[in-house]
C-alpha atoms as a PDB file:
ATOM      1  CA  UNK A   1      27.196   0.545 -16.253  1.00  0.00           C
ATOM      2  CA  UNK A   2      24.910   2.765 -18.854  1.00  0.00           C
ATOM      3  CA  UNK A   3      21.521   1.056 -19.658  1.00  0.00           C
ATOM      4  CA  UNK A   4      19.613   2.230 -23.059  1.00  0.00           C
ATOM      5  CA  UNK A   5      16.137   4.177 -22.506  1.00  0.00           C
ATOM      6  CA  UNK A   6      13.650   2.159 -24.254  1.00  0.00           C
ATOM      7  CA  UNK A   7      11.951   4.579 -26.946  1.00  0.00           C
ATOM      8  CA  UNK A   8       8.401   5.394 -26.300  1.00  0.00           C
ATOM      9  CA  UNK A   9       5.568   3.013 -28.063  1.00  0.00           C
ATOM     10  CA  UNK A  10       3.909   4.860 -30.772  1.00  0.00           C
ATOM     11  CA  UNK A  11       0.353   6.123 -30.664  1.00  0.00           C
ATOM     12  CA  UNK A  12      -0.088   3.666 -33.366  1.00  0.00           C
ATOM     13  CA  UNK A  13       1.221   0.606 -31.588  1.00  0.00           C
ATOM     14  CA  UNK A  14      -0.859   1.781 -28.316  1.00  0.00           C
ATOM     15  CA  UNK A  15      -3.695   2.111 -30.681  1.00  0.00           C
ATOM     16  CA  UNK A  16      -3.453  -1.566 -32.129  1.00  0.00           C
ATOM     17  CA  UNK A  17      -2.932  -2.962 -28.981  1.00  0.00           C
ATOM     18  CA  UNK A  18      -5.959  -1.004 -26.908  1.00  0.00           C
ATOM     19  CA  UNK A  19      -7.957  -1.867 -29.945  1.00  0.00           C
ATOM     20  CA  UNK A  20      -7.384  -5.329 -29.833  1.00  0.00           C
ATOM     21  CA  UNK A  21      -7.784  -5.760 -26.355  1.00  0.00           C
ATOM     22  CA  UNK A  22     -10.915  -3.804 -26.855  1.00  0.00           C
ATOM     23  CA  UNK A  23     -12.125  -6.690 -29.483  1.00  0.00           C
ATOM     24  CA  UNK A  24     -11.142  -9.145 -26.750  1.00  0.00           C
ATOM     25  CA  UNK A  25     -13.401  -7.649 -24.173  1.00  0.00           C
ATOM     26  CA  UNK A  26     -16.051  -8.569 -26.533  1.00  0.00           C
ATOM     27  CA  UNK A  27     -15.821 -11.899 -26.064  1.00  0.00           C
ATOM     28  CA  UNK A  28     -14.218 -12.350 -22.574  1.00  0.00           C
ATOM     29  CA  UNK A  29     -14.174 -10.515 -18.728  1.00  0.00           C
ATOM     30  CA  UNK A  30     -11.023  -8.059 -18.547  1.00  0.00           C
ATOM     31  CA  UNK A  31      -9.531 -10.451 -15.950  1.00  0.00           C
ATOM     32  CA  UNK A  32      -9.579 -13.886 -18.861  1.00  0.00           C
ATOM     33  CA  UNK A  33      -8.014 -11.813 -21.200  1.00  0.00           C
ATOM     34  CA  UNK A  34      -4.165 -12.290 -21.473  1.00  0.00           C
ATOM     35  CA  UNK A  35      -1.411 -10.195 -22.788  1.00  0.00           C
ATOM     36  CA  UNK A  36      -0.356 -13.070 -25.296  1.00  0.00           C
ATOM     37  CA  UNK A  37      -3.927 -12.783 -26.645  1.00  0.00           C
ATOM     38  CA  UNK A  38      -3.965  -9.045 -26.813  1.00  0.00           C
ATOM     39  CA  UNK A  39      -0.336  -9.669 -28.417  1.00  0.00           C
ATOM     40  CA  UNK A  40      -1.317 -12.563 -31.164  1.00  0.00           C
ATOM     41  CA  UNK A  41      -5.014 -10.655 -32.127  1.00  0.00           C
ATOM     42  CA  UNK A  42      -2.938  -7.015 -32.439  1.00  0.00           C
ATOM     43  CA  UNK A  43       0.235  -8.673 -34.292  1.00  0.00           C
ATOM     44  CA  UNK A  44       2.932  -7.109 -32.043  1.00  0.00           C
ATOM     45  CA  UNK A  45       5.268  -8.836 -29.422  1.00  0.00           C
ATOM     46  CA  UNK A  46       4.935  -9.161 -25.553  1.00  0.00           C
ATOM     47  CA  UNK A  47       7.301  -7.018 -25.113  1.00  0.00           C
ATOM     48  CA  UNK A  48       5.654  -3.997 -27.241  1.00  0.00           C
ATOM     49  CA  UNK A  49       2.609  -4.381 -24.543  1.00  0.00           C
ATOM     50  CA  UNK A  50       4.717  -3.590 -21.796  1.00  0.00           C
ATOM     51  CA  UNK A  51       6.276  -0.709 -23.218  1.00  0.00           C
ATOM     52  CA  UNK A  52       2.975   0.731 -24.540  1.00  0.00           C
ATOM     53  CA  UNK A  53       0.878  -0.228 -21.131  1.00  0.00           C
ATOM     54  CA  UNK A  54       1.149  -0.800 -17.348  1.00  0.00           C
ATOM     55  CA  UNK A  55      -2.251  -2.589 -17.554  1.00  0.00           C
ATOM     56  CA  UNK A  56      -5.217  -3.761 -19.336  1.00  0.00           C
ATOM     57  CA  UNK A  57      -7.292  -0.931 -17.399  1.00  0.00           C
ATOM     58  CA  UNK A  58      -4.705   1.718 -18.545  1.00  0.00           C
ATOM     59  CA  UNK A  59      -5.103   0.375 -22.353  1.00  0.00           C
ATOM     60  CA  UNK A  60      -9.147   0.640 -21.807  1.00  0.00           C
ATOM     61  CA  UNK A  61      -8.773   4.390 -20.731  1.00  0.00           C
ATOM     62  CA  UNK A  62      -6.054   5.058 -23.193  1.00  0.00           C
ATOM     63  CA  UNK A  63      -8.735   3.642 -25.633  1.00  0.00           C
ATOM     64  CA  UNK A  64     -11.364   6.053 -24.760  1.00  0.00           C
ATOM     65  CA  UNK A  65      -9.301   8.701 -24.927  1.00  0.00           C
ATOM     66  CA  UNK A  66      -8.170   8.184 -28.098  1.00  0.00           C
ATOM     67  CA  UNK A  67     -12.009   8.089 -29.393  1.00  0.00           C
ATOM     68  CA  UNK A  68     -12.976  11.034 -28.144  1.00  0.00           C
ATOM     69  CA  UNK A  69      -9.773  13.256 -29.603  1.00  0.00           C
ATOM     70  CA  UNK A  70     -10.560  11.493 -32.675  1.00  0.00           C
ATOM     71  CA  UNK A  71     -14.425  12.276 -32.804  1.00  0.00           C
ATOM     72  CA  UNK A  72     -13.132  15.753 -31.592  1.00  0.00           C
ATOM     73  CA  UNK A  73     -10.837  16.431 -34.724  1.00  0.00           C
ATOM     74  CA  UNK A  74     -13.170  14.782 -37.369  1.00  0.00           C
ATOM     75  CA  UNK A  75     -16.011  17.302 -35.934  1.00  0.00           C
ATOM     76  CA  UNK A  76     -14.268  20.138 -35.537  1.00  0.00           C
ATOM     77  CA  UNK A  77     -14.903  19.839 -31.243  1.00  0.00           C
ATOM     78  CA  UNK A  78     -12.659  22.566 -30.181  1.00  0.00           C
ATOM     79  CA  UNK A  79     -10.110  21.859 -27.477  1.00  0.00           C
ATOM     80  CA  UNK A  80     -11.014  18.285 -26.458  1.00  0.00           C
ATOM     81  CA  UNK A  81      -9.177  18.467 -23.087  1.00  0.00           C
ATOM     82  CA  UNK A  82     -10.908  21.802 -21.860  1.00  0.00           C
ATOM     83  CA  UNK A  83     -14.543  20.996 -21.942  1.00  0.00           C
ATOM     84  CA  UNK A  84     -17.011  23.836 -21.763  1.00  0.00           C
ATOM     85  CA  UNK A  85     -20.583  23.582 -21.239  1.00  0.00           C
ATOM     86  CA  UNK A  86     -20.755  24.857 -25.028  1.00  0.00           C
ATOM     87  CA  UNK A  87     -19.606  21.405 -26.153  1.00  0.00           C
ATOM     88  CA  UNK A  88     -22.301  19.196 -24.410  1.00  0.00           C
ATOM     89  CA  UNK A  89     -24.269  18.322 -27.347  1.00  0.00           C
ATOM     90  CA  UNK A  90     -20.866  17.035 -29.333  1.00  0.00           C
ATOM     91  CA  UNK A  91     -20.303  14.781 -25.875  1.00  0.00           C
ATOM     92  CA  UNK A  92     -23.685  13.431 -25.804  1.00  0.00           C
ATOM     93  CA  UNK A  93     -23.982  12.679 -29.181  1.00  0.00           C
ATOM     94  CA  UNK A  94     -19.828  11.423 -29.156  1.00  0.00           C
ATOM     95  CA  UNK A  95     -21.057   8.921 -26.709  1.00  0.00           C
ATOM     96  CA  UNK A  96     -24.232   8.213 -28.359  1.00  0.00           C
ATOM     97  CA  UNK A  97     -22.625   7.028 -31.425  1.00  0.00           C
ATOM     98  CA  UNK A  98     -20.194   4.759 -29.766  1.00  0.00           C
ATOM     99  CA  UNK A  99     -22.866   3.286 -27.004  1.00  0.00           C
ATOM    100  CA  UNK A 100     -21.848  -0.260 -28.109  1.00  0.00           C
ATOM    101  CA  UNK A 101     -18.648   0.305 -26.745  1.00  0.00           C
ATOM    102  CA  UNK A 102     -19.842   2.548 -23.329  1.00  0.00           C
ATOM    103  CA  UNK A 103     -22.377  -0.593 -22.948  1.00  0.00           C
ATOM    104  CA  UNK A 104     -19.397  -3.187 -23.135  1.00  0.00           C
ATOM    105  CA  UNK A 105     -17.362  -1.260 -20.561  1.00  0.00           C
ATOM    106  CA  UNK A 106     -20.743  -1.272 -18.499  1.00  0.00           C
ATOM    107  CA  UNK A 107     -21.412  -4.621 -18.749  1.00  0.00           C
ATOM    108  CA  UNK A 108     -17.964  -5.833 -17.933  1.00  0.00           C
ATOM    109  CA  UNK A 109     -17.446  -3.510 -15.182  1.00  0.00           C
ATOM    110  CA  UNK A 110     -15.450  -1.428 -16.564  1.00  0.00           C
ATOM    111  CA  UNK A 111     -16.858   2.207 -15.764  1.00  0.00           C
ATOM    112  CA  UNK A 112     -14.082   3.349 -13.429  1.00  0.00           C
ATOM    113  CA  UNK A 113     -11.682   3.236 -17.025  1.00  0.00           C
ATOM    114  CA  UNK A 114     -14.418   5.328 -18.348  1.00  0.00           C
ATOM    115  CA  UNK A 115     -14.456   7.440 -15.423  1.00  0.00           C
ATOM    116  CA  UNK A 116     -10.378   7.590 -15.681  1.00  0.00           C
ATOM    117  CA  UNK A 117     -10.902   8.671 -19.281  1.00  0.00           C
ATOM    118  CA  UNK A 118     -13.232  11.657 -18.071  1.00  0.00           C
ATOM    119  CA  UNK A 119     -10.099  13.002 -15.691  1.00  0.00           C
ATOM    120  CA  UNK A 120      -7.248  12.652 -18.932  1.00  0.00           C
ATOM    121  CA  UNK A 121      -9.693  14.217 -20.953  1.00  0.00           C
ATOM    122  CA  UNK A 122     -11.187  16.881 -18.882  1.00  0.00           C
ATOM    123  CA  UNK A 123      -8.887  17.304 -16.027  1.00  0.00           C
ATOM    124  CA  UNK A 124      -6.118  19.579 -17.099  1.00  0.00           C
ATOM    125  CA  UNK A 125      -3.548  19.079 -13.821  1.00  0.00           C
ATOM    126  CA  UNK A 126      -0.869  21.240 -15.221  1.00  0.00           C
ATOM    127  CA  UNK A 127      -2.747  24.167 -14.220  1.00  0.00           C
ATOM    128  CA  UNK A 128      -1.053  26.181 -11.072  1.00  0.00           C
ATOM    129  CA  UNK A 129      -4.579  27.689 -10.602  1.00  0.00           C
ATOM    130  CA  UNK A 130      -6.446  25.480  -7.847  1.00  0.00           C
ATOM    131  CA  UNK A 131      -9.745  26.948  -8.669  1.00  0.00           C
ATOM    132  CA  UNK A 132      -9.716  26.121 -12.076  1.00  0.00           C
ATOM    133  CA  UNK A 133      -8.665  22.782 -11.423  1.00  0.00           C
ATOM    134  CA  UNK A 134     -11.130  22.084  -8.659  1.00  0.00           C
ATOM    135  CA  UNK A 135     -13.975  23.531 -11.560  1.00  0.00           C
ATOM    136  CA  UNK A 136     -12.496  20.922 -14.003  1.00  0.00           C
ATOM    137  CA  UNK A 137     -12.932  18.177 -11.621  1.00  0.00           C
ATOM    138  CA  UNK A 138     -16.116  18.933 -10.850  1.00  0.00           C
ATOM    139  CA  UNK A 139     -17.879  19.236 -13.928  1.00  0.00           C
ATOM    140  CA  UNK A 140     -15.592  15.879 -15.181  1.00  0.00           C
ATOM    141  CA  UNK A 141     -17.085  13.678 -12.719  1.00  0.00           C
ATOM    142  CA  UNK A 142     -20.881  15.617 -12.702  1.00  0.00           C
ATOM    143  CA  UNK A 143     -20.826  14.827 -16.522  1.00  0.00           C
ATOM    144  CA  UNK A 144     -19.450  11.463 -15.867  1.00  0.00           C
ATOM    145  CA  UNK A 145     -22.184  10.637 -13.178  1.00  0.00           C
ATOM    146  CA  UNK A 146     -24.967  11.959 -15.917  1.00  0.00           C
ATOM    147  CA  UNK A 147     -22.836   9.901 -18.766  1.00  0.00           C
ATOM    148  CA  UNK A 148     -23.454   7.124 -16.253  1.00  0.00           C
ATOM    149  CA  UNK A 149     -26.941   7.425 -15.660  1.00  0.00           C
ATOM    150  CA  UNK A 150     -27.707   7.305 -19.477  1.00  0.00           C
ATOM    151  CA  UNK A 151     -26.054   4.510 -20.276  1.00  0.00           C
ATOM    152  CA  UNK A 152     -27.947   2.799 -17.178  1.00  0.00           C
ATOM    153  CA  UNK A 153     -31.009   4.176 -18.912  1.00  0.00           C
ATOM    154  CA  UNK A 154     -30.109   2.595 -21.988  1.00  0.00           C
ATOM    155  CA  UNK A 155     -29.523   5.928 -23.772  1.00  0.00           C
ATOM    156  CA  UNK A 156     -33.431   6.715 -23.516  1.00  0.00           C
ATOM    157  CA  UNK A 157     -33.135  10.488 -24.188  1.00  0.00           C
ATOM    158  CA  UNK A 158     -31.225  11.751 -27.727  1.00  0.00           C
ATOM    159  CA  UNK A 159     -28.039  13.825 -27.512  1.00  0.00           C
ATOM    160  CA  UNK A 160     -29.693  17.206 -27.835  1.00  0.00           C
ATOM    161  CA  UNK A 161     -31.816  16.453 -24.780  1.00  0.00           C
ATOM    162  CA  UNK A 162     -28.865  14.908 -22.985  1.00  0.00           C
ATOM    163  CA  UNK A 163     -27.050  18.500 -23.467  1.00  0.00           C
ATOM    164  CA  UNK A 164     -30.200  20.602 -22.182  1.00  0.00           C
ATOM    165  CA  UNK A 165     -30.496  18.648 -19.133  1.00  0.00           C
ATOM    166  CA  UNK A 166     -27.012  19.334 -18.426  1.00  0.00           C
ATOM    167  CA  UNK A 167     -27.033  22.795 -19.149  1.00  0.00           C
ATOM    168  CA  UNK A 168     -30.199  23.216 -17.187  1.00  0.00           C
ATOM    169  CA  UNK A 169     -28.397  21.111 -14.674  1.00  0.00           C
ATOM    170  CA  UNK A 170     -25.119  23.806 -14.530  1.00  0.00           C
ATOM    171  CA  UNK A 171     -27.698  26.807 -14.742  1.00  0.00           C
ATOM    172  CA  UNK A 172     -29.587  25.942 -12.032  1.00  0.00           C
ATOM    173  CA  UNK A 173     -26.192  25.439  -9.928  1.00  0.00           C
ATOM    174  CA  UNK A 174     -24.900  29.377 -10.369  1.00  0.00           C
END
């Protein structure tokens, strides 16, 4: 018997559903949010949710990746999936601008989802060069650690200062 392959969900559908879940996250912990609520909020059917995402955590990660991609496109940040130290100030400015969202993730215990968005945006697993892959992983997780600390400290330093801290720490490593 031949079965039809389900069409891939559009970015627009995924954006709507992930955005609806993030709005609900402002009111409820993630484990209390029902798929029905997300669908009602987004205006899409339940089947669409399950074609778009495997879990609410995947939706949160997707949402954060899309925010970064959109920011890079709007602000001319080159190669959003190939992070370089020269982009540190843009990275911290972006996170400062979305601090309410990162605070929400922190408050709801979803820092693993934020970290997962780092692995998607900064850690190119398609490379055949193991040294390049290890370098990308080290940089992504180190930068995540700095961002996590900045969130915990309630964004106590301006983005330019955070970029300087990262550049200084990186220079000390070599």
